[in-house]
PDB file of N, CA and C in Angstrom:
ATOM      1  N   UNK A   1      67.705 -64.932 -33.808  1.00  0.00           N
ATOM      2  CA  UNK A   1      66.972 -63.707 -33.430  1.00  0.00           C
ATOM      3  C   UNK A   1      67.562 -63.593 -31.792  1.00  0.00           C
ATOM      4  N   UNK A   2      66.931 -64.548 -30.967  1.00  0.00           N
ATOM      5  CA  UNK A   2      67.565 -64.806 -29.509  1.00  0.00           C
ATOM      6  C   UNK A   2      68.960 -64.382 -29.129  1.00  0.00           C
ATOM      7  N   UNK A   3      69.556 -65.252 -29.601  1.00  0.00           N
ATOM      8  CA  UNK A   3      70.855 -65.118 -29.604  1.00  0.00           C
ATOM      9  C   UNK A   3      71.854 -63.901 -29.957  1.00  0.00           C
ATOM     10  N   UNK A   4      71.573 -63.413 -31.155  1.00  0.00           N
ATOM     11  CA  UNK A   4      71.830 -62.091 -31.594  1.00  0.00           C
ATOM     12  C   UNK A   4      71.429 -60.869 -30.855  1.00  0.00           C
ATOM     13  N   UNK A   5      70.173 -60.915 -30.406  1.00  0.00           N
ATOM     14  CA  UNK A   5      69.576 -60.114 -29.541  1.00  0.00           C
ATOM     15  C   UNK A   5      70.156 -59.807 -28.104  1.00  0.00           C
ATOM     16  N   UNK A   6      70.744 -61.088 -27.429  1.00  0.00           N
ATOM     17  CA  UNK A   6      71.332 -61.233 -26.523  1.00  0.00           C
ATOM     18  C   UNK A   6      73.045 -60.523 -26.579  1.00  0.00           C
ATOM     19  N   UNK A   7      73.437 -60.937 -27.551  1.00  0.00           N
ATOM     20  CA  UNK A   7      74.575 -60.633 -27.947  1.00  0.00           C
ATOM     21  C   UNK A   7      74.727 -59.022 -27.987  1.00  0.00           C
ATOM     22  N   UNK A   8      73.603 -58.579 -28.770  1.00  0.00           N
ATOM     23  CA  UNK A   8      73.512 -56.766 -28.972  1.00  0.00           C
ATOM     24  C   UNK A   8      73.395 -56.147 -27.819  1.00  0.00           C
ATOM     25  N   UNK A   9      72.640 -56.762 -26.912  1.00  0.00           N
ATOM     26  CA  UNK A   9      72.352 -56.130 -25.515  1.00  0.00           C
ATOM     27  C   UNK A   9      73.596 -56.332 -24.407  1.00  0.00           C
ATOM     28  N   UNK A  10      74.535 -57.262 -24.553  1.00  0.00           N
ATOM     29  CA  UNK A  10      75.865 -57.402 -24.258  1.00  0.00           C
ATOM     30  C   UNK A  10      76.731 -56.432 -24.674  1.00  0.00           C
ATOM     31  N   UNK A  11      76.914 -56.000 -26.179  1.00  0.00           N
ATOM     32  CA  UNK A  11      77.351 -54.930 -26.412  1.00  0.00           C
ATOM     33  C   UNK A  11      77.077 -53.677 -25.956  1.00  0.00           C
ATOM     34  N   UNK A  12      76.000 -53.486 -25.974  1.00  0.00           N
ATOM     35  CA  UNK A  12      75.462 -51.984 -25.186  1.00  0.00           C
ATOM     36  C   UNK A  12      75.964 -51.983 -23.934  1.00  0.00           C
ATOM     37  N   UNK A  13      75.544 -53.334 -23.024  1.00  0.00           N
ATOM     38  CA  UNK A  13      75.975 -52.911 -21.430  1.00  0.00           C
ATOM     39  C   UNK A  13      77.322 -52.605 -21.851  1.00  0.00           C
ATOM     40  N   UNK A  14      78.464 -53.128 -22.545  1.00  0.00           N
ATOM     41  CA  UNK A  14      79.887 -53.102 -22.235  1.00  0.00           C
ATOM     42  C   UNK A  14      80.350 -51.575 -22.500  1.00  0.00           C
ATOM     43  N   UNK A  15      79.526 -51.105 -23.831  1.00  0.00           N
ATOM     44  CA  UNK A  15      80.014 -49.830 -24.253  1.00  0.00           C
ATOM     45  C   UNK A  15      79.564 -48.436 -23.154  1.00  0.00           C
ATOM     46  N   UNK A  16      78.309 -49.053 -22.922  1.00  0.00           N
ATOM     47  CA  UNK A  16      77.556 -47.917 -22.043  1.00  0.00           C
ATOM     48  C   UNK A  16      78.046 -47.823 -20.329  1.00  0.00           C
ATOM     49  N   UNK A  17      78.771 -49.324 -20.120  1.00  0.00           N
ATOM     50  CA  UNK A  17      78.837 -49.526 -18.521  1.00  0.00           C
ATOM     51  C   UNK A  17      77.577 -49.689 -17.782  1.00  0.00           C
ATOM     52  N   UNK A  18      76.611 -50.602 -18.411  1.00  0.00           N
ATOM     53  CA  UNK A  18      75.243 -50.506 -17.815  1.00  0.00           C
ATOM     54  C   UNK A  18      75.502 -51.719 -16.742  1.00  0.00           C
ATOM     55  N   UNK A  19      74.756 -51.449 -15.370  1.00  0.00           N
ATOM     56  CA  UNK A  19      75.151 -52.623 -14.479  1.00  0.00           C
ATOM     57  C   UNK A  19      73.427 -52.818 -13.644  1.00  0.00           C
ATOM     58  N   UNK A  20      73.202 -54.002 -12.932  1.00  0.00           N
ATOM     59  CA  UNK A  20      72.004 -53.860 -12.407  1.00  0.00           C
ATOM     60  C   UNK A  20      71.685 -55.344 -13.010  1.00  0.00           C
ATOM     61  N   UNK A  21      70.606 -55.911 -12.362  1.00  0.00           N
ATOM     62  CA  UNK A  21      70.183 -57.255 -12.357  1.00  0.00           C
ATOM     63  C   UNK A  21      70.011 -57.618 -13.804  1.00  0.00           C
ATOM     64  N   UNK A  22      69.592 -56.892 -14.421  1.00  0.00           N
ATOM     65  CA  UNK A  22      69.186 -57.395 -15.734  1.00  0.00           C
ATOM     66  C   UNK A  22      70.240 -57.745 -16.783  1.00  0.00           C
ATOM     67  N   UNK A  23      71.109 -56.214 -16.543  1.00  0.00           N
ATOM     68  CA  UNK A  23      72.224 -56.191 -17.352  1.00  0.00           C
ATOM     69  C   UNK A  23      73.608 -57.378 -16.693  1.00  0.00           C
ATOM     70  N   UNK A  24      73.390 -57.635 -15.557  1.00  0.00           N
ATOM     71  CA  UNK A  24      74.350 -58.714 -15.039  1.00  0.00           C
ATOM     72  C   UNK A  24      73.865 -60.066 -15.716  1.00  0.00           C
ATOM     73  N   UNK A  25      72.489 -60.355 -15.936  1.00  0.00           N
ATOM     74  CA  UNK A  25      72.196 -61.595 -16.242  1.00  0.00           C
ATOM     75  C   UNK A  25      72.308 -61.856 -17.776  1.00  0.00           C
ATOM     76  N   UNK A  26      72.816 -60.602 -18.507  1.00  0.00           N
ATOM     77  CA  UNK A  26      72.763 -60.363 -19.985  1.00  0.00           C
ATOM     78  C   UNK A  26      74.042 -60.762 -20.214  1.00  0.00           C
ATOM     79  N   UNK A  27      74.869 -59.968 -19.349  1.00  0.00           N
ATOM     80  CA  UNK A  27      76.716 -60.624 -19.339  1.00  0.00           C
ATOM     81  C   UNK A  27      76.505 -62.185 -18.958  1.00  0.00           C
ATOM     82  N   UNK A  28      76.290 -62.700 -18.198  1.00  0.00           N
ATOM     83  CA  UNK A  28      75.993 -63.818 -17.915  1.00  0.00           C
ATOM     84  C   UNK A  28      75.897 -65.030 -18.935  1.00  0.00           C
ATOM     85  N   UNK A  29      74.816 -64.688 -19.429  1.00  0.00           N
ATOM     86  CA  UNK A  29      74.302 -65.612 -20.921  1.00  0.00           C
ATOM     87  C   UNK A  29      75.159 -65.383 -21.758  1.00  0.00           C
ATOM     88  N   UNK A  30      75.963 -64.084 -22.001  1.00  0.00           N
ATOM     89  CA  UNK A  30      77.119 -63.943 -23.243  1.00  0.00           C
ATOM     90  C   UNK A  30      78.303 -64.413 -22.886  1.00  0.00           C
ATOM     91  N   UNK A  31      78.746 -64.931 -21.553  1.00  0.00           N
ATOM     92  CA  UNK A  31      79.748 -65.376 -20.927  1.00  0.00           C
ATOM     93  C   UNK A  31      79.661 -67.109 -21.245  1.00  0.00           C
ATOM     94  N   UNK A  32      78.296 -67.755 -21.061  1.00  0.00           N
ATOM     95  CA  UNK A  32      78.282 -68.921 -21.286  1.00  0.00           C
ATOM     96  C   UNK A  32      77.406 -69.176 -22.291  1.00  0.00           C
ATOM     97  N   UNK A  33      77.651 -68.807 -23.718  1.00  0.00           N
ATOM     98  CA  UNK A  33      77.426 -69.047 -25.181  1.00  0.00           C
ATOM     99  C   UNK A  33      77.899 -70.481 -25.350  1.00  0.00           C
ATOM    100  N   UNK A  34      79.061 -70.374 -24.982  1.00  0.00           N
ATOM    101  CA  UNK A  34      80.276 -71.824 -25.417  1.00  0.00           C
ATOM    102  C   UNK A  34      79.555 -73.056 -24.800  1.00  0.00           C
ATOM    103  N   UNK A  35      79.161 -72.869 -23.694  1.00  0.00           N
ATOM    104  CA  UNK A  35      78.782 -73.729 -22.564  1.00  0.00           C
ATOM    105  C   UNK A  35      77.156 -74.528 -23.433  1.00  0.00           C
ATOM    106  N   UNK A  36      76.625 -73.482 -23.586  1.00  0.00           N
ATOM    107  CA  UNK A  36      75.347 -73.847 -24.060  1.00  0.00           C
ATOM    108  C   UNK A  36      75.348 -74.710 -25.604  1.00  0.00           C
ATOM    109  N   UNK A  37      76.024 -74.097 -26.613  1.00  0.00           N
ATOM    110  CA  UNK A  37      76.524 -74.731 -27.522  1.00  0.00           C
ATOM    111  C   UNK A  37      77.079 -76.161 -27.608  1.00  0.00           C
ATOM    112  N   UNK A  38      77.664 -76.076 -26.519  1.00  0.00           N
ATOM    113  CA  UNK A  38      78.310 -77.857 -26.246  1.00  0.00           C
ATOM    114  C   UNK A  38      76.947 -78.525 -25.745  1.00  0.00           C
ATOM    115  N   UNK A  39      76.389 -77.853 -24.858  1.00  0.00           N
ATOM    116  CA  UNK A  39      75.025 -78.808 -24.624  1.00  0.00           C
ATOM    117  C   UNK A  39      74.282 -78.663 -25.433  1.00  0.00           C
ATOM    118  N   UNK A  40      73.710 -77.974 -26.739  1.00  0.00           N
ATOM    119  CA  UNK A  40      73.001 -78.610 -27.735  1.00  0.00           C
ATOM    120  C   UNK A  40      73.577 -79.339 -28.610  1.00  0.00           C
ATOM    121  N   UNK A  41      74.805 -79.598 -28.438  1.00  0.00           N
ATOM    122  CA  UNK A  41      75.544 -80.562 -29.278  1.00  0.00           C
ATOM    123  C   UNK A  41      75.118 -81.789 -28.653  1.00  0.00           C
ATOM    124  N   UNK A  42      75.310 -81.853 -27.417  1.00  0.00           N
ATOM    125  CA  UNK A  42      75.296 -83.104 -26.610  1.00  0.00           C
ATOM    126  C   UNK A  42      73.789 -83.776 -26.790  1.00  0.00           C
ATOM    127  N   UNK A  43      73.028 -82.789 -26.811  1.00  0.00           N
ATOM    128  CA  UNK A  43      71.630 -83.467 -27.088  1.00  0.00           C
ATOM    129  C   UNK A  43      71.314 -83.882 -28.322  1.00  0.00           C
ATOM    130  N   UNK A  44      71.982 -83.447 -29.163  1.00  0.00           N
ATOM    131  CA  UNK A  44      71.866 -83.843 -30.963  1.00  0.00           C
ATOM    132  C   UNK A  44      72.650 -85.087 -30.815  1.00  0.00           C
ATOM    133  N   UNK A  45      73.613 -85.240 -30.155  1.00  0.00           N
ATOM    134  CA  UNK A  45      74.197 -86.689 -30.144  1.00  0.00           C
ATOM    135  C   UNK A  45      73.424 -87.568 -29.416  1.00  0.00           C
ATOM    136  N   UNK A  46      72.903 -87.381 -27.949  1.00  0.00           N
ATOM    137  CA  UNK A  46      72.233 -88.425 -27.306  1.00  0.00           C
ATOM    138  C   UNK A  46      71.195 -88.664 -28.160  1.00  0.00           C
ATOM    139  N   UNK A  47      70.279 -87.739 -28.842  1.00  0.00           N
ATOM    140  CA  UNK A  47      69.001 -88.025 -29.600  1.00  0.00           C
ATOM    141  C   UNK A  47      69.344 -88.958 -30.801  1.00  0.00           C
ATOM    142  N   UNK A  48      70.581 -88.431 -31.244  1.00  0.00           N
ATOM    143  CA  UNK A  48      70.714 -89.825 -32.209  1.00  0.00           C
ATOM    144  C   UNK A  48      71.069 -91.018 -31.875  1.00  0.00           C
ATOM    145  N   UNK A  49      71.716 -91.215 -30.967  1.00  0.00           N
ATOM    146  CA  UNK A  49      72.239 -92.663 -30.232  1.00  0.00           C
ATOM    147  C   UNK A  49      71.043 -93.386 -29.936  1.00  0.00           C
ATOM    148  N   UNK A  50      69.833 -92.643 -29.117  1.00  0.00           N
ATOM    149  CA  UNK A  50      68.745 -93.224 -28.737  1.00  0.00           C
ATOM    150  C   UNK A  50      68.206 -93.787 -30.073  1.00  0.00           C
ATOM    151  N   UNK A  51      67.884 -92.836 -30.946  1.00  0.00           N
ATOM    152  CA  UNK A  51      66.847 -92.998 -32.193  1.00  0.00           C
ATOM    153  C   UNK A  51      67.470 -94.443 -33.025  1.00  0.00           C
ATOM    154  N   UNK A  52      69.182 -94.588 -32.966  1.00  0.00           N
ATOM    155  CA  UNK A  52      69.589 -95.600 -33.452  1.00  0.00           C
ATOM    156  C   UNK A  52      69.762 -96.576 -32.647  1.00  0.00           C
ATOM    157  N   UNK A  53      69.282 -96.786 -31.635  1.00  0.00           N
ATOM    158  CA  UNK A  53      69.299 -97.862 -30.511  1.00  0.00           C
ATOM    159  C   UNK A  53      67.847 -98.421 -30.862  1.00  0.00           C
ATOM    160  N   UNK A  54      66.975 -97.503 -30.806  1.00  0.00           N
ATOM    161  CA  UNK A  54      65.512 -97.750 -31.099  1.00  0.00           C
ATOM    162  C   UNK A  54      65.402 -98.735 -32.628  1.00  0.00           C
ATOM    163  N   UNK A  55      65.766 -97.876 -33.328  1.00  0.00           N
ATOM    164  CA  UNK A  55      65.782 -98.177 -34.687  1.00  0.00           C
ATOM    165  C   UNK A  55      66.324 -99.871 -35.093  1.00  0.00           C
ATOM    166  N   UNK A  56      67.484-100.089 -34.413  1.00  0.00           N
ATOM    167  CA  UNK A  56      67.856-101.476 -34.455  1.00  0.00           C
ATOM    168  C   UNK A  56      67.197-102.179 -33.783  1.00  0.00           C
ATOM    169  N   UNK A  57      67.019-101.914 -32.883  1.00  0.00           N
ATOM    170  CA  UNK A  57      65.812-102.788 -31.647  1.00  0.00           C
ATOM    171  C   UNK A  57      64.551-103.374 -32.078  1.00  0.00           C
ATOM    172  N   UNK A  58      64.339-102.557 -33.045  1.00  0.00           N
ATOM    173  CA  UNK A  58      63.001-102.881 -33.694  1.00  0.00           C
ATOM    174  C   UNK A  58      63.075-103.419 -34.812  1.00  0.00           C
ATOM    175  N   UNK A  59      64.275-103.915 -35.275  1.00  0.00           N
ATOM    176  CA  UNK A  59      64.615-104.147 -36.590  1.00  0.00           C
ATOM    177  C   UNK A  59      64.071-103.603 -37.879  1.00  0.00           C
ATOM    178  N   UNK A  60      63.701-102.066 -37.653  1.00  0.00           N
ATOM    179  CA  UNK A  60      63.467-101.346 -38.656  1.00  0.00           C
ATOM    180  C   UNK A  60      64.406-101.490 -39.891  1.00  0.00           C
ATOM    181  N   UNK A  61      65.460-101.634 -39.808  1.00  0.00           N
ATOM    182  CA  UNK A  61      66.578-101.899 -40.637  1.00  0.00           C
ATOM    183  C   UNK A  61      66.323-102.748 -41.546  1.00  0.00           C
ATOM    184  N   UNK A  62      65.647-104.072 -41.077  1.00  0.00           N
ATOM    185  CA  UNK A  62      65.436-104.846 -41.744  1.00  0.00           C
ATOM    186  C   UNK A  62      63.966-105.304 -42.615  1.00  0.00           C
ATOM    187  N   UNK A  63      63.080-103.872 -42.453  1.00  0.00           N
ATOM    188  CA  UNK A  63      61.921-104.219 -42.915  1.00  0.00           C
ATOM    189  C   UNK A  63      61.568-104.231 -44.321  1.00  0.00           C
ATOM    190  N   UNK A  64      60.662-104.854 -44.885  1.00  0.00           N
ATOM    191  CA  UNK A  64      60.858-104.732 -46.252  1.00  0.00           C
ATOM    192  C   UNK A  64      59.588-103.581 -46.826  1.00  0.00           C
ATOM    193  N   UNK A  65      60.246-103.224 -47.800  1.00  0.00           N
ATOM    194  CA  UNK A  65      59.463-101.922 -48.346  1.00  0.00           C
ATOM    195  C   UNK A  65      58.595-102.096 -49.450  1.00  0.00           C
ATOM    196  N   UNK A  66      57.433-102.023 -49.272  1.00  0.00           N
ATOM    197  CA  UNK A  66      56.303-102.122 -50.448  1.00  0.00           C
ATOM    198  C   UNK A  66      55.640-100.899 -51.069  1.00  0.00           C
ATOM    199  N   UNK A  67      55.969-100.940 -52.178  1.00  0.00           N
ATOM    200  CA  UNK A  67      55.615 -99.633 -52.932  1.00  0.00           C
ATOM    201  C   UNK A  67      53.917-100.012 -53.168  1.00  0.00           C
ATOM    202  N   UNK A  68      53.477 -98.576 -53.031  1.00  0.00           N
ATOM    203  CA  UNK A  68      51.713 -98.510 -53.328  1.00  0.00           C
ATOM    204  C   UNK A  68      51.713 -98.132 -54.906  1.00  0.00           C
ATOM    205  N   UNK A  69      52.566 -98.164 -55.864  1.00  0.00           N
ATOM    206  CA  UNK A  69      52.276 -97.716 -57.111  1.00  0.00           C
ATOM    207  C   UNK A  69      51.806 -99.014 -57.925  1.00  0.00           C
ATOM    208  N   UNK A  70      50.663 -98.909 -58.568  1.00  0.00           N
ATOM    209  CA  UNK A  70      50.487-100.182 -59.388  1.00  0.00           C
ATOM    210  C   UNK A  70      50.686-100.098 -60.709  1.00  0.00           C
ATOM    211  N   UNK A  71      50.844-101.009 -61.437  1.00  0.00           N
ATOM    212  CA  UNK A  71      51.265-100.990 -62.787  1.00  0.00           C
ATOM    213  C   UNK A  71      50.145-100.960 -63.741  1.00  0.00           C
TER     214      UNK A  71
END
């Protein structure tokens, strides 16, 4: 909703030739969505790398699994 709303406001601003602080800010956000996408992808990759390192460092990949189901 947020990204779509900003895109819609950018289209309105372009079609109607609106200017001013608010409309300039909307235009700047629209121009930088590509960079924002790369930043989000970078954050996901960094979070994965940190979780992988913690997983290996704590030895969780070698933990025994015990079932709670009784026969």
